[in-house]
Amino acid sequence: MKMLRTVSIISVLCTVAILIYVVPQLAVSGVVEVGGRGLELLVVLPTLVGLPCSFAGAIVGTACVLRRRTRGTATVLMALGQVITVALAAAIVVWAFGFASTGWELVALPTALMVGQVMVVAGLLVARTSRSPSPT
C-alpha cells in the first residue's frame, strides 16, 4: 500500500505539471501550442516520469486489491485510476503505431495521465481523510 501511495503521488504531481501548462493555454486561446515555450519541461518530461509510475501503480494496485487485507476504498480508487491511465496510454500508442498514422497522435499521450489520475486523486483524498482523526 505504501508503494501504491508513493507512485500515485508522483503520477499526480506529474499530471499537475501538465495541467499547469495546458489549462491556461486552453482558457486563453482554446489551443495548446505544441512546439517550444516549455513543452519539453512541463509536458514531455512529466509524461515520461508519470506513465512508468502509473504502470508500477497499476501492478502494485492490482496486487493490493487482490489481497483481501489491503482492499479498501482508497486502494481500489488508486488502483483503478492507475489501470485506466495505463490502458488509455496503451490505446494511444497502439493507435499511433498500429494504423496508417503520422505519429502526431502521440501528442495525445499526456491526456491519458490527465484522465486517469482524477480517480487516483480521489483515492489519495479518501486515504488522507480516513487516516486523519476526526476533530470532534
Protein backbone atom coordinates (compact mmCIF):
# COMPACT_ATOMS: atom_id res chain seq x y z
CA MET A 1 0.00 0.00 0.00
CA LYS A 2 2.89 2.36 0.74
CA MET A 3 4.37 1.89 -2.73
CA LEU A 4 0.96 2.42 -4.33
CA ARG A 5 0.57 5.67 -2.41
CA THR A 6 4.08 6.82 -3.36
CA VAL A 7 3.77 6.16 -7.09
CA SER A 8 0.28 7.65 -7.03
CA ILE A 9 1.59 10.87 -5.51
CA ILE A 10 4.38 11.04 -8.12
CA SER A 11 2.00 10.43 -11.03
CA VAL A 12 -0.48 13.01 -9.71
CA LEU A 13 2.32 15.59 -9.38
CA CYS A 14 3.32 14.88 -12.98
CA THR A 15 -0.29 15.41 -14.03
CA VAL A 16 -0.40 18.72 -12.17
CA ALA A 17 2.69 19.88 -14.08
CA ILE A 18 1.00 19.00 -17.36
CA LEU A 19 -2.20 20.78 -16.33
CA ILE A 20 -0.22 23.90 -15.37
CA TYR A 21 0.95 24.09 -18.99
CA VAL A 22 -2.27 23.04 -20.75
CA VAL A 23 -5.13 24.71 -18.86
CA PRO A 24 -4.04 28.36 -19.17
CA GLN A 25 -3.49 27.95 -22.92
CA LEU A 26 -6.88 26.34 -23.37
CA ALA A 27 -8.53 29.06 -21.28
CA VAL A 28 -6.90 31.94 -23.17
CA SER A 29 -6.74 30.81 -26.79
CA GLY A 30 -8.51 27.46 -26.92
CA VAL A 31 -5.44 25.84 -28.47
CA VAL A 32 -2.41 24.18 -26.88
CA GLU A 33 0.85 25.11 -28.60
CA VAL A 34 2.86 22.00 -29.38
CA GLY A 35 6.27 23.49 -30.09
CA GLY A 36 8.65 25.36 -27.83
CA ARG A 37 7.73 27.51 -24.83
CA GLY A 38 8.35 24.91 -22.16
CA LEU A 39 6.59 21.95 -23.75
CA GLU A 40 9.56 19.74 -23.05
CA LEU A 41 9.74 20.55 -19.34
CA LEU A 42 6.05 20.78 -18.47
CA VAL A 43 4.53 18.10 -20.71
CA VAL A 44 7.07 15.65 -22.13
CA LEU A 45 9.20 15.14 -19.01
CA PRO A 46 6.23 14.64 -16.63
CA THR A 47 4.70 12.23 -19.13
CA LEU A 48 7.93 10.23 -19.28
CA VAL A 49 8.01 10.04 -15.49
CA GLY A 50 4.27 9.72 -14.83
CA LEU A 51 3.48 6.87 -17.20
CA PRO A 52 6.05 4.43 -15.76
CA CYS A 53 4.87 5.37 -12.26
CA SER A 54 1.30 4.68 -13.37
CA PHE A 55 2.39 1.32 -14.76
CA ALA A 56 4.05 0.42 -11.46
CA GLY A 57 0.97 1.69 -9.63
CA ALA A 58 -1.31 -0.44 -11.80
CA ILE A 59 0.70 -3.57 -11.00
CA VAL A 60 1.03 -2.87 -7.27
CA GLY A 61 -2.56 -1.63 -7.02
CA THR A 62 -3.92 -4.73 -8.69
CA ALA A 63 -1.92 -6.88 -6.28
CA CYS A 64 -3.24 -4.85 -3.32
CA VAL A 65 -6.83 -5.18 -4.49
CA LEU A 66 -6.47 -8.93 -4.99
CA ARG A 67 -5.20 -9.32 -1.42
CA ARG A 68 -8.09 -9.14 0.99
CA ARG A 69 -6.16 -7.35 3.77
CA THR A 70 -5.35 -4.22 1.81
CA ARG A 71 -8.59 -3.84 -0.10
CA GLY A 72 -10.19 -0.55 0.87
CA THR A 73 -11.95 2.23 -0.96
CA ALA A 74 -8.76 4.28 -1.31
CA THR A 75 -6.77 1.33 -2.63
CA VAL A 76 -9.44 0.40 -5.16
CA LEU A 77 -9.74 4.00 -6.40
CA MET A 78 -5.98 4.43 -6.76
CA ALA A 79 -5.53 1.06 -8.47
CA LEU A 80 -8.43 1.64 -10.85
CA GLY A 81 -7.15 5.10 -11.75
CA GLN A 82 -3.68 3.74 -12.48
CA VAL A 83 -5.10 0.91 -14.60
CA ILE A 84 -7.23 3.41 -16.57
CA THR A 85 -4.16 5.60 -17.16
CA VAL A 86 -2.11 2.66 -18.45
CA ALA A 87 -4.98 1.40 -20.62
CA LEU A 88 -5.51 4.82 -22.22
CA ALA A 89 -1.77 5.23 -22.83
CA ALA A 90 -1.60 1.78 -24.42
CA ALA A 91 -4.60 2.58 -26.62
CA ILE A 92 -2.96 5.81 -27.80
CA VAL A 93 0.32 4.05 -28.60
CA VAL A 94 -1.49 1.25 -30.47
CA TRP A 95 -3.49 3.85 -32.36
CA ALA A 96 -0.32 5.77 -33.28
CA PHE A 97 1.72 2.78 -34.43
CA GLY A 98 -0.94 0.28 -35.44
CA PHE A 99 -2.74 2.21 -38.13
CA ALA A 100 -1.68 4.35 -41.06
CA SER A 101 -0.87 7.41 -39.00
CA THR A 102 1.77 10.09 -38.82
CA GLY A 103 2.85 9.65 -35.21
CA TRP A 104 1.45 13.02 -34.20
CA GLU A 105 -1.16 11.04 -32.30
CA LEU A 106 1.45 10.61 -29.58
CA VAL A 107 0.87 14.26 -28.70
CA ALA A 108 -2.31 12.98 -27.04
CA LEU A 109 -0.29 10.74 -24.69
CA PRO A 110 -0.34 13.23 -21.76
CA THR A 111 -4.14 13.11 -21.96
CA ALA A 112 -4.01 9.57 -20.58
CA LEU A 113 -2.44 10.94 -17.42
CA MET A 114 -4.93 13.79 -17.17
CA VAL A 115 -7.94 11.48 -17.44
CA GLY A 116 -6.82 8.52 -15.35
CA GLN A 117 -5.31 10.46 -12.48
CA VAL A 118 -8.64 12.00 -11.48
CA MET A 119 -9.59 8.72 -9.83
CA VAL A 120 -6.14 8.44 -8.25
CA VAL A 121 -6.57 11.87 -6.64
CA ALA A 122 -9.93 10.72 -5.27
CA GLY A 123 -8.24 7.64 -3.80
CA LEU A 124 -5.48 9.73 -2.23
CA LEU A 125 -8.07 12.06 -0.70
CA VAL A 126 -10.04 9.13 0.70
CA ALA A 127 -6.83 7.68 2.15
CA ARG A 128 -5.93 11.02 3.70
CA THR A 129 -9.34 11.62 5.25
CA SER A 130 -9.64 8.09 6.60
CA ARG A 131 -6.21 8.29 8.24
CA SER A 132 -6.62 11.63 9.98
CA PRO A 133 -8.50 11.68 13.28
CA SER A 134 -11.85 13.46 13.42
CA PRO A 135 -11.83 16.88 15.09
CA THR A 136 -14.77 16.06 17.41
